[in-house]
Amino acid sequence: QVQLVESGGGLVQAGGSLRLSCVASGSIFSLRAMGWYRQAPGKQRELVAGITSGGRTNYADSVKGRFTISRDNAKITVFLQMHDLKSEDTAVYYCYLDDTTRIYWGQGTQVTVSS
């Protein structure tokens, strides 16, 4: 079993920055990718950013140029640096890990951007 623990969420003013972290532990078969989804009230969960074990990244169009995903493979940790936050970034952010057998999810961390 794999556990994901997120941290770094909170309340920030529009234009501000936050950094999310997600640490994985447990029996990871073969790490393929980690990343972040988010879900705002009344909306579907959407991909924010992902990074493969080889370092390839992808981002939602809405966050390109503002968010940066990075990882520490040795510590099985993924980070999401968020700048120039907007009210529409308000959501619960979920970390995920793909170990080629299944997708694991964290419990979520709330990000609230006040305008």
Protein backbone atom coordinates (compact mmCIF):
# COMPACT_ATOMS: atom_id res chain seq x y z
CA GLN A 1 0.00 0.00 0.00
CA VAL A 2 1.12 3.55 -0.74
CA GLN A 3 0.42 6.59 1.39
CA LEU A 4 0.56 10.18 0.16
CA VAL A 5 0.74 13.08 2.60
CA GLU A 6 0.21 16.59 1.31
CA SER A 7 1.09 19.86 2.98
CA GLY A 8 1.39 23.54 2.17
CA GLY A 9 -2.18 24.57 1.48
CA GLY A 10 -3.78 27.60 3.07
CA LEU A 11 -5.32 31.00 2.58
CA VAL A 12 -3.54 33.53 0.40
CA GLN A 13 -4.43 36.81 -1.25
CA ALA A 14 -4.75 37.06 -5.00
CA GLY A 15 -1.33 37.50 -6.55
CA GLY A 16 0.34 35.59 -3.76
CA SER A 17 2.25 32.34 -3.77
CA LEU A 18 2.05 28.93 -2.12
CA ARG A 19 4.13 25.78 -2.32
CA LEU A 20 2.50 22.38 -1.99
CA SER A 21 4.43 19.25 -1.06
CA CYS A 22 3.48 15.60 -1.28
CA VAL A 23 5.53 12.82 0.27
CA ALA A 24 4.95 9.21 -0.70
CA SER A 25 5.69 6.15 1.40
CA GLY A 26 4.95 2.45 1.28
CA SER A 27 5.33 -0.23 -1.37
CA ILE A 28 5.68 1.51 -4.73
CA PHE A 29 5.89 -1.01 -7.55
CA SER A 30 7.46 1.17 -10.25
CA LEU A 31 7.07 4.91 -10.09
CA ARG A 32 5.75 6.26 -13.40
CA ALA A 33 4.45 9.70 -12.49
CA MET A 34 3.32 11.98 -9.71
CA GLY A 35 1.39 15.18 -9.78
CA TRP A 36 -1.57 17.23 -8.72
CA TYR A 37 -5.25 17.42 -9.47
CA ARG A 38 -7.68 19.91 -8.02
CA GLN A 39 -11.39 20.08 -7.42
CA ALA A 40 -13.36 23.25 -6.86
CA PRO A 41 -16.86 23.21 -5.36
CA GLY A 42 -19.39 22.04 -7.90
CA LYS A 43 -16.74 21.18 -10.48
CA GLN A 44 -15.05 18.04 -11.69
CA ARG A 45 -11.58 17.11 -10.58
CA GLU A 46 -9.04 18.41 -13.11
CA LEU A 47 -5.37 17.82 -13.75
CA VAL A 48 -3.16 20.70 -12.65
CA ALA A 49 0.31 19.35 -13.35
CA GLY A 50 2.15 16.07 -13.63
CA ILE A 51 5.75 14.93 -13.81
CA THR A 52 7.06 11.57 -14.95
CA SER A 53 9.91 9.65 -13.36
CA GLY A 54 11.99 10.82 -16.31
CA GLY A 55 11.22 14.46 -15.59
CA ARG A 56 8.73 15.20 -18.35
CA THR A 57 6.10 17.69 -17.18
CA ASN A 58 2.64 18.71 -18.30
CA TYR A 59 0.37 21.48 -17.12
CA ALA A 60 -3.20 22.61 -17.43
CA ASP A 61 -3.40 25.60 -19.74
CA SER A 62 -4.88 27.68 -16.94
CA VAL A 63 -1.73 27.37 -14.80
CA LYS A 64 1.03 27.48 -17.40
CA GLY A 65 3.54 30.19 -16.59
CA ARG A 66 2.33 30.47 -13.00
CA PHE A 67 2.79 26.97 -11.52
CA THR A 68 5.89 24.82 -11.54
CA ILE A 69 6.00 21.14 -10.67
CA SER A 70 9.18 19.47 -9.49
CA ARG A 71 10.15 16.26 -7.76
CA ASP A 72 12.75 14.62 -5.61
CA ASN A 73 12.88 11.02 -6.76
CA ALA A 74 15.12 9.92 -3.90
CA LYS A 75 12.58 11.15 -1.34
CA ILE A 76 9.57 10.30 -3.54
CA THR A 77 8.30 13.81 -3.10
CA VAL A 78 6.56 16.11 -5.53
CA PHE A 79 6.22 19.86 -5.19
CA LEU A 80 3.90 22.41 -6.76
CA GLN A 81 5.12 25.99 -6.64
CA MET A 82 2.23 28.32 -7.32
CA HIS A 83 2.68 32.00 -8.14
CA ASP A 84 0.28 34.78 -9.10
CA LEU A 85 -2.61 32.90 -7.55
CA LYS A 86 -6.11 33.80 -8.69
CA SER A 87 -9.50 33.29 -7.09
CA GLU A 88 -10.23 30.59 -9.68
CA ASP A 89 -7.33 28.57 -8.26
CA THR A 90 -9.36 28.02 -5.10
CA ALA A 91 -9.88 24.28 -4.73
CA VAL A 92 -8.86 21.18 -2.87
CA TYR A 93 -5.57 20.00 -4.33
CA TYR A 94 -4.95 16.27 -4.48
CA CYS A 95 -1.60 14.62 -4.97
CA TYR A 96 -1.48 11.45 -7.07
CA LEU A 97 1.08 8.75 -7.73
CA ASP A 98 1.05 6.32 -10.64
CA ASP A 99 3.12 3.22 -9.95
CA THR A 100 2.03 1.43 -13.18
CA THR A 101 -0.37 -0.83 -11.27
CA ARG A 102 -2.79 1.82 -10.05
CA ILE A 103 -3.23 5.46 -9.09
CA TYR A 104 -2.93 6.45 -5.46
CA TRP A 105 -4.42 9.65 -4.03
CA GLY A 106 -3.64 11.89 -1.11
CA GLN A 107 -6.28 13.21 1.24
CA GLY A 108 -6.23 16.67 -0.31
CA THR A 109 -5.15 20.09 0.88
CA GLN A 110 -7.28 23.21 0.66
CA VAL A 111 -6.04 26.24 -1.24
CA THR A 112 -8.13 29.36 -0.86
CA VAL A 113 -7.33 32.54 -2.77
CA SER A 114 -9.05 35.68 -1.58
CA SER A 115 -9.64 38.53 -4.00
